[in-house]
Protein backbone atom coordinates (compact mmCIF):
# COMPACT_ATOMS: atom_id res chain seq x y z
CA UNK A 1 19.81 8.52 4.02
CA UNK A 2 16.81 9.56 6.24
CA UNK A 3 17.01 13.16 5.56
CA UNK A 4 17.88 12.72 1.65
CA UNK A 5 14.92 10.45 1.56
CA UNK A 6 12.73 12.98 3.27
CA UNK A 7 13.79 15.90 0.80
CA UNK A 8 12.99 13.41 -2.16
CA UNK A 9 9.61 12.51 -0.54
CA UNK A 10 8.59 16.14 -0.48
CA UNK A 11 9.72 17.01 -4.01
CA UNK A 12 8.45 14.17 -5.66
CA UNK A 13 5.20 14.05 -3.71
CA UNK A 14 4.51 17.59 -4.42
CA UNK A 15 5.06 17.08 -8.22
CA UNK A 16 2.94 13.88 -8.21
CA UNK A 17 0.15 15.83 -6.30
CA UNK A 18 0.25 18.55 -9.02
CA UNK A 19 0.42 16.34 -12.06
CA UNK A 20 -2.31 14.07 -10.69
CA UNK A 21 -4.76 16.83 -9.64
CA UNK A 22 -6.90 16.47 -12.72
CA UNK A 23 -7.23 12.69 -11.76
CA UNK A 24 -7.78 13.46 -8.04
CA UNK A 25 -10.61 16.05 -9.11
CA UNK A 26 -12.25 13.46 -11.34
CA UNK A 27 -12.35 10.68 -8.55
CA UNK A 28 -13.64 13.30 -6.07
CA UNK A 29 -16.55 13.61 -8.94
CA UNK A 30 -17.03 9.76 -9.41
CA UNK A 31 -16.83 9.00 -5.89
CA UNK A 32 -19.71 11.49 -5.15
CA UNK A 33 -21.83 9.99 -7.78
CA UNK A 34 -21.27 6.24 -7.20
CA UNK A 35 -20.81 6.37 -3.45
CA UNK A 36 -21.79 9.59 -2.18
CA UNK A 37 -20.43 11.27 0.93
CA UNK A 38 -17.93 11.25 2.66
CA UNK A 39 -15.48 11.27 -0.44
CA UNK A 40 -12.45 10.26 1.61
CA UNK A 41 -11.69 7.56 3.90
CA UNK A 42 -9.66 8.37 7.31
CA UNK A 43 -8.39 5.33 9.16
CA UNK A 44 -5.69 5.29 12.13
CA UNK A 45 -2.46 3.31 11.11
CA UNK A 46 0.75 2.76 12.75
CA UNK A 47 3.87 4.46 11.54
CA UNK A 48 7.73 4.98 12.24
CA UNK A 49 8.44 3.97 15.84
CA UNK A 50 5.01 2.50 16.27
CA UNK A 51 3.52 6.10 16.43
CA UNK A 52 0.04 6.13 15.19
CA UNK A 53 -1.17 8.57 12.28
CA UNK A 54 -4.52 8.77 10.07
CA UNK A 55 -4.03 7.54 6.48
CA UNK A 56 -6.28 9.29 3.84
CA UNK A 57 -7.74 7.34 0.84
CA UNK A 58 -10.48 7.68 -1.56
CA UNK A 59 -13.49 5.70 -0.18
CA UNK A 60 -14.06 2.52 -2.11
CA UNK A 61 -16.83 0.93 -0.16
CA UNK A 62 -20.37 1.46 0.36
CA UNK A 63 -21.22 2.82 3.96
CA UNK A 64 -21.15 -0.32 6.08
CA UNK A 65 -24.52 -1.93 7.59
CA UNK A 66 -24.59 -4.40 10.30
CA UNK A 67 -24.94 -7.31 7.99
CA UNK A 68 -22.61 -6.24 5.34
CA UNK A 69 -19.20 -8.05 4.47
CA UNK A 70 -16.56 -6.37 2.67
CA UNK A 71 -17.66 -8.27 -0.55
CA UNK A 72 -21.20 -7.03 -0.20
CA UNK A 73 -19.80 -3.36 0.36
CA UNK A 74 -17.58 -3.36 -2.56
CA UNK A 75 -19.24 -2.48 -5.79
CA UNK A 76 -18.04 -2.61 -9.39
CA UNK A 77 -16.89 0.74 -9.16
CA UNK A 78 -14.92 0.25 -5.84
CA UNK A 79 -13.50 -2.72 -7.27
CA UNK A 80 -12.20 -0.79 -10.40
CA UNK A 81 -10.45 2.03 -8.26
CA UNK A 82 -8.84 -0.59 -5.84
CA UNK A 83 -7.59 -2.73 -8.85
CA UNK A 84 -5.76 0.31 -10.36
CA UNK A 85 -4.75 1.73 -6.79
CA UNK A 86 -6.68 4.92 -7.64
CA UNK A 87 -8.17 4.82 -3.92
CA UNK A 88 -4.62 5.61 -2.70
CA UNK A 89 -3.76 8.37 -5.00
CA UNK A 90 -4.46 11.03 -2.28
CA UNK A 91 -2.05 9.02 0.33
CA UNK A 92 0.48 11.25 -1.25
CA UNK A 93 -0.71 13.98 1.26
CA UNK A 94 0.53 11.68 4.08
CA UNK A 95 3.86 11.46 2.29
CA UNK A 96 4.21 15.14 1.83
CA UNK A 97 3.12 15.64 5.81
CA UNK A 98 5.60 13.20 6.73
CA UNK A 99 3.54 10.49 8.10
CA UNK A 100 4.85 8.38 5.33
CA UNK A 101 7.59 8.11 2.67
CA UNK A 102 7.26 7.00 -0.97
CA UNK A 103 8.60 3.67 -0.30
CA UNK A 104 8.57 1.54 2.89
CA UNK A 105 6.49 -1.11 4.50
CA UNK A 106 2.83 -0.46 4.22
CA UNK A 107 1.23 1.09 7.42
CA UNK A 108 -1.04 -1.33 9.11
CA UNK A 109 -3.96 -1.26 11.87
CA UNK A 110 -3.01 -0.59 15.50
CA UNK A 111 -4.84 -3.77 16.66
CA UNK A 112 -2.08 -5.79 14.82
CA UNK A 113 0.64 -4.44 17.08
CA UNK A 114 0.40 -7.35 19.96
CA UNK A 115 0.41 -9.85 17.20
CA UNK A 116 3.79 -9.20 15.79
CA UNK A 117 6.89 -11.07 16.67
CA UNK A 118 9.92 -9.26 17.71
CA UNK A 119 11.37 -9.60 14.15
CA UNK A 120 8.21 -8.58 12.57
CA UNK A 121 8.12 -5.44 14.63
CA UNK A 122 11.43 -4.30 12.89
CA UNK A 123 9.20 -2.96 9.92
CA UNK A 124 8.34 0.13 12.18
CA UNK A 125 12.11 1.05 12.45
CA UNK A 126 11.62 2.91 8.94
CA UNK A 127 8.54 5.07 7.62
CA UNK A 128 5.88 3.24 6.11
CA UNK A 129 5.43 3.77 2.59
CA UNK A 130 3.12 4.21 -0.42
CA UNK A 131 4.75 1.29 -2.07
CA UNK A 132 7.14 -1.11 -0.96
CA UNK A 133 8.58 -4.46 -1.37
CA UNK A 134 5.50 -6.38 -0.68
CA UNK A 135 3.58 -4.32 -3.20
CA UNK A 136 6.07 -5.23 -6.13
CA UNK A 137 6.24 -8.89 -5.04
CA UNK A 138 2.62 -9.84 -4.82
CA UNK A 139 0.67 -7.25 -2.77
CA UNK A 140 -2.54 -8.95 -1.43
CA UNK A 141 -2.05 -12.28 -3.12
CA UNK A 142 0.75 -12.93 -0.39
CA UNK A 143 0.34 -14.44 3.02
CA UNK A 144 0.90 -12.24 5.95
CA UNK A 145 4.24 -14.13 6.95
CA UNK A 146 5.48 -13.45 3.52
CA UNK A 147 4.42 -9.86 3.57
CA UNK A 148 6.32 -9.42 6.92
CA UNK A 149 9.64 -11.25 5.61
CA UNK A 150 9.70 -8.74 2.57
CA UNK A 151 9.06 -5.82 5.03
CA UNK A 152 11.86 -6.68 7.38
CA UNK A 153 14.10 -7.65 4.26
CA UNK A 154 13.82 -3.82 3.03
CA UNK A 155 14.43 -2.32 6.57
CA UNK A 156 17.94 -3.98 6.23
CA UNK A 157 18.55 -3.45 2.59
CA UNK A 158 17.10 0.22 2.20
CA UNK A 159 18.95 2.34 -0.25
CA UNK A 160 18.29 4.98 -2.87
CA UNK A 161 18.79 2.43 -5.76
CA UNK A 162 16.44 -0.03 -4.28
CA UNK A 163 13.75 2.55 -3.73
CA UNK A 164 14.00 3.62 -7.40
CA UNK A 165 13.75 -0.20 -8.35
CA UNK A 166 10.50 -0.46 -6.21
CA UNK A 167 9.04 2.79 -7.64
CA UNK A 168 9.81 1.65 -11.20
CA UNK A 169 8.32 -1.80 -10.48
CA UNK A 170 5.36 -0.46 -8.69
CA UNK A 171 4.26 1.34 -12.29
CA UNK A 172 4.09 -2.05 -13.95
CA UNK A 173 2.12 -3.66 -11.13
CA UNK A 174 -0.37 -0.81 -11.00
CA UNK A 175 -0.64 -1.06 -14.71
CA UNK A 176 -1.14 -4.77 -14.72
CA UNK A 177 -3.46 -4.56 -11.53
CA UNK A 178 -2.01 -7.53 -10.19
CA UNK A 179 -2.26 -9.04 -6.54
CA UNK A 180 -5.10 -6.71 -5.51
CA UNK A 181 -6.97 -9.49 -3.61
CA UNK A 182 -6.26 -12.49 -1.53
CA UNK A 183 -7.50 -15.96 -2.66
CA UNK A 184 -11.10 -16.54 -1.49
CA UNK A 185 -11.38 -12.95 -0.37
CA UNK A 186 -12.88 -9.60 -1.75
CA UNK A 187 -9.55 -7.56 -0.25
CA UNK A 188 -7.16 -9.11 2.31
CA UNK A 189 -8.02 -11.30 5.39
CA UNK A 190 -7.18 -9.51 8.74
CA UNK A 191 -3.66 -10.45 10.16
CA UNK A 192 -4.38 -13.29 12.66
CA UNK A 193 -7.31 -14.76 10.92
CA UNK A 194 -7.42 -18.36 9.62
CA UNK A 195 -5.63 -18.91 6.21
CA UNK A 196 -4.34 -15.28 6.37
């Protein structure tokens, strides 16, 4: 299953990159006009077997200043590309490289590692995904405990048919732009914060 999934990731990832290259070019231009440089956002995340890698996204926030909160840094333009997951369109590069898969638990920050329960750590027994069970079941509208429950369920039930279902469901989630933020937050509170 793992090798078959890797072949599909390379094939579908390459096709995706080619088909969406005009949109990627357009976002490069709009990012430069609305946010300036840098165009991309690189951040360390934890992948398969708890190994770190750098995820690539389009930058959606203004350059931070000491007094800025996420809500202040997130412009109308930034909200739009996040709402429609356009900031993550270049993350397909991580899939082609092998850091990620098309489907799997979303890769999270290294600082969360000490906070996981033994059961929650099971999410790292598969490659992180561009989309996953959490994304089609509520995205950022879910509490962290619910997200991790979906991630662990996926690791125990992963299959080709399940992946195809998640990919198909993701299309509707992106089109409807549902679950892009957590109640009372501009994006999603950090794991471990109150009401997260």
